[in-house]
Amino acid sequence: MHKWIDLGRTYYQRYRVRPPVMILLFLLLFFLLQSGFQHTRGTTTEQLAIDTLTVQPAAWLIRQFSGSMPVIAQGHRIVAPGIRLSVLNGCEGFEGIFLIIAAIMAFPADWKQKLAGILAGSVLMYSLNQVRITVLFYTLYQDRSWFNPIHGYIGPTFIIILGCLFFFYYLNCIQRSHEQHVVA
């Protein structure tokens, strides 16, 4: 625990940024990213985010595990015999990506470290959401009674917890980098 306090002191001395300022910056950045994406509703950007970047890769992933079951991407839906999973605004996983981006941008670090963290965190959050959609598809296929708990509670909680763990890992990497820089 003292490592995190020391890291906070070091970054405060280096950048003169207090934790309340970082929290406010995080909230502001997350709000701007989220509200900016919400303004894309009904546009080509939303269609690209949902249909192309989310549904098509998820349908491909499901096909890899489904054997002979025909699974297709149809607009914002993943369709198979007896299953129609709609991926709507909010289900594409961008909130998790925005949380990672806002957290990394709000924490003082070098731009190279921020860029690496944003890139790795975005890939992680995107991949986790693809797994979540795949699990939701198979939940509909196997036992529909589990769909709402997995969709509304278990899946999002799992993604947020892993996102937080990633952010702590990122902070640990920054601390190790700073310690190596101080020693050198």
Protein backbone atom coordinates (compact mmCIF):
# COMPACT_ATOMS: atom_id res chain seq x y z
CA MET A 1 0.00 0.00 0.00
CA HIS A 2 2.85 2.37 0.79
CA LYS A 3 4.09 1.96 -2.80
CA TRP A 4 0.89 3.61 -4.10
CA ILE A 5 1.18 6.46 -1.58
CA ASP A 6 4.82 7.01 -2.55
CA LEU A 7 3.88 6.92 -6.23
CA GLY A 8 1.16 9.50 -5.57
CA ARG A 9 3.61 11.77 -3.72
CA THR A 10 6.19 11.41 -6.48
CA TYR A 11 3.71 12.30 -9.19
CA TYR A 12 2.31 15.17 -7.15
CA GLN A 13 5.82 16.60 -6.71
CA ARG A 14 6.62 16.02 -10.37
CA TYR A 15 3.37 17.24 -11.97
CA ARG A 16 1.70 19.19 -9.12
CA VAL A 17 -1.60 17.38 -9.67
CA ARG A 18 -3.67 16.54 -6.59
CA PRO A 19 -5.96 13.48 -6.43
CA PRO A 20 -9.20 15.54 -6.41
CA VAL A 21 -8.05 17.23 -9.62
CA MET A 22 -7.31 13.82 -11.16
CA ILE A 23 -10.77 12.58 -10.14
CA LEU A 24 -12.48 15.64 -11.61
CA LEU A 25 -10.43 15.32 -14.80
CA PHE A 26 -11.34 11.61 -15.03
CA LEU A 27 -15.05 12.39 -14.62
CA LEU A 28 -14.91 15.22 -17.15
CA LEU A 29 -13.05 13.14 -19.74
CA PHE A 30 -15.39 10.17 -19.30
CA PHE A 31 -18.42 12.45 -19.60
CA LEU A 32 -17.05 14.07 -22.77
CA LEU A 33 -16.20 10.74 -24.40
CA GLN A 34 -19.51 9.15 -23.45
CA SER A 35 -21.69 12.11 -24.42
CA GLY A 36 -19.72 12.55 -27.65
CA PHE A 37 -20.43 8.95 -28.58
CA GLN A 38 -24.10 9.33 -27.63
CA HIS A 39 -24.34 12.15 -30.17
CA THR A 40 -23.54 9.62 -32.89
CA ARG A 41 -26.89 7.84 -32.43
CA GLY A 42 -28.47 7.12 -35.75
CA THR A 43 -25.36 8.08 -37.71
CA THR A 44 -22.90 6.18 -39.85
CA THR A 45 -20.44 6.32 -36.94
CA GLU A 46 -22.85 4.39 -34.70
CA GLN A 47 -23.49 1.90 -37.48
CA LEU A 48 -19.73 1.44 -37.95
CA ALA A 49 -19.20 0.98 -34.20
CA ILE A 50 -22.02 -1.50 -33.73
CA ASP A 51 -22.51 -3.35 -37.02
CA THR A 52 -18.94 -3.44 -38.33
CA LEU A 53 -16.67 -3.25 -35.29
CA THR A 54 -18.82 -5.21 -32.83
CA VAL A 55 -21.39 -7.50 -34.45
CA GLN A 56 -19.36 -8.81 -37.39
CA PRO A 57 -16.31 -9.82 -35.30
CA ALA A 58 -18.59 -11.32 -32.62
CA ALA A 59 -20.45 -13.37 -35.25
CA TRP A 60 -17.11 -14.55 -36.63
CA LEU A 61 -15.95 -15.52 -33.13
CA ILE A 62 -19.18 -17.42 -32.47
CA ARG A 63 -18.82 -19.27 -35.78
CA GLN A 64 -15.39 -20.47 -34.65
CA PHE A 65 -17.02 -22.26 -31.69
CA SER A 66 -20.41 -23.18 -33.14
CA GLY A 67 -19.43 -26.04 -35.40
CA SER A 68 -22.09 -26.49 -38.04
CA MET A 69 -24.57 -23.93 -36.66
CA PRO A 70 -25.04 -21.16 -39.24
CA VAL A 71 -24.35 -17.84 -37.52
CA ILE A 72 -24.50 -14.56 -39.44
CA ALA A 73 -24.15 -10.88 -38.75
CA GLN A 74 -27.26 -9.07 -39.92
CA GLY A 75 -26.92 -5.34 -39.27
CA HIS A 76 -26.91 -4.95 -35.49
CA ARG A 77 -28.02 -8.56 -34.91
CA ILE A 78 -26.28 -11.89 -34.59
CA VAL A 79 -28.66 -14.43 -36.08
CA ALA A 80 -28.72 -18.23 -35.88
CA PRO A 81 -31.59 -20.72 -35.97
CA GLY A 82 -33.85 -19.76 -33.04
CA ILE A 83 -31.55 -16.94 -31.86
CA ARG A 84 -31.56 -13.21 -32.61
CA LEU A 85 -29.15 -11.30 -30.42
CA SER A 86 -29.43 -7.54 -30.91
CA VAL A 87 -26.40 -5.41 -30.13
CA LEU A 88 -27.63 -1.90 -29.45
CA ASN A 89 -26.02 1.39 -28.46
CA GLY A 90 -24.43 0.74 -25.09
CA CYS A 91 -23.79 -2.94 -25.81
CA GLU A 92 -20.81 -2.32 -28.09
CA GLY A 93 -18.48 -1.93 -25.11
CA PHE A 94 -17.29 1.61 -25.69
CA GLU A 95 -18.12 2.65 -22.10
CA GLY A 96 -15.38 0.35 -20.82
CA ILE A 97 -12.92 1.71 -23.35
CA PHE A 98 -13.89 5.27 -22.39
CA LEU A 99 -13.34 4.45 -18.69
CA ILE A 100 -9.81 3.21 -19.43
CA ILE A 101 -9.01 6.20 -21.64
CA ALA A 102 -10.32 8.70 -19.08
CA ALA A 103 -8.47 7.03 -16.18
CA ILE A 104 -5.18 6.91 -18.05
CA MET A 105 -5.49 10.45 -19.37
CA ALA A 106 -6.37 11.81 -15.91
CA PHE A 107 -3.36 10.21 -14.25
CA PRO A 108 -0.11 12.10 -14.80
CA ALA A 109 2.38 10.12 -16.84
CA ASP A 110 4.53 10.50 -19.90
CA TRP A 111 2.70 10.55 -23.23
CA LYS A 112 4.39 7.35 -24.39
CA GLN A 113 3.16 5.58 -21.25
CA LYS A 114 -0.33 7.02 -21.72
CA LEU A 115 -0.48 5.99 -25.36
CA ALA A 116 0.72 2.45 -24.58
CA GLY A 117 -1.79 2.18 -21.73
CA ILE A 118 -4.69 3.47 -23.83
CA LEU A 119 -3.84 1.12 -26.68
CA ALA A 120 -3.44 -1.96 -24.46
CA GLY A 121 -6.48 -1.06 -22.34
CA SER A 122 -8.68 -0.44 -25.37
CA VAL A 123 -7.71 -3.78 -26.92
CA LEU A 124 -8.39 -5.51 -23.60
CA MET A 125 -11.79 -3.88 -23.09
CA TYR A 126 -12.82 -4.51 -26.71
CA SER A 127 -11.80 -8.16 -26.43
CA LEU A 128 -13.64 -8.59 -23.14
CA ASN A 129 -16.79 -7.18 -24.71
CA GLN A 130 -16.48 -9.59 -27.63
CA VAL A 131 -16.26 -12.44 -25.11
CA ARG A 132 -19.31 -11.01 -23.28
CA ILE A 133 -21.34 -10.95 -26.51
CA THR A 134 -20.26 -14.51 -27.31
CA VAL A 135 -21.31 -15.64 -23.82
CA LEU A 136 -24.66 -13.87 -24.23
CA PHE A 137 -25.23 -15.65 -27.54
CA TYR A 138 -24.54 -19.05 -26.02
CA THR A 139 -26.68 -18.15 -23.01
CA LEU A 140 -29.60 -17.57 -25.37
CA TYR A 141 -28.82 -20.87 -27.05
CA GLN A 142 -28.48 -22.94 -23.85
CA ASP A 143 -30.62 -21.34 -21.11
CA ARG A 144 -32.47 -18.08 -21.75
CA SER A 145 -33.27 -17.65 -18.05
CA TRP A 146 -29.65 -16.63 -17.44
CA PHE A 147 -29.63 -13.96 -20.17
CA ASN A 148 -30.83 -10.98 -18.07
CA PRO A 149 -28.50 -11.59 -15.09
CA ILE A 150 -25.50 -12.12 -17.38
CA HIS A 151 -26.42 -9.16 -19.62
CA GLY A 152 -27.29 -6.71 -16.85
CA TYR A 153 -25.06 -7.66 -13.94
CA ILE A 154 -22.47 -10.39 -14.35
CA GLY A 155 -20.99 -9.36 -17.72
CA PRO A 156 -20.64 -5.63 -17.01
CA THR A 157 -19.28 -6.26 -13.51
CA PHE A 158 -16.72 -8.72 -14.88
CA ILE A 159 -15.55 -6.20 -17.49
CA ILE A 160 -15.31 -3.30 -15.00
CA ILE A 161 -13.36 -5.42 -12.48
CA LEU A 162 -10.90 -6.56 -15.16
CA GLY A 163 -10.63 -2.95 -16.40
CA CYS A 164 -9.75 -1.81 -12.87
CA LEU A 165 -7.19 -4.59 -12.54
CA PHE A 166 -5.68 -3.50 -15.85
CA PHE A 167 -5.49 0.11 -14.61
CA PHE A 168 -3.70 -1.02 -11.42
CA TYR A 169 -1.32 -3.06 -13.57
CA TYR A 170 -0.72 0.05 -15.70
CA LEU A 171 0.03 2.11 -12.55
CA ASN A 172 2.41 -0.60 -11.38
CA CYS A 173 4.23 -0.47 -14.73
CA ILE A 174 4.53 3.31 -14.44
CA GLN A 175 5.93 2.96 -10.93
CA ARG A 176 8.51 0.38 -12.05
CA SER A 177 9.49 2.61 -14.96
CA HIS A 178 9.85 5.58 -12.61
CA GLU A 179 11.95 3.55 -10.16
CA GLN A 180 14.27 2.42 -12.97
CA HIS A 181 14.57 6.01 -14.17
CA VAL A 182 15.45 7.24 -10.65
CA VAL A 183 18.07 4.48 -10.18
CA ALA A 184 19.67 5.03 -13.59
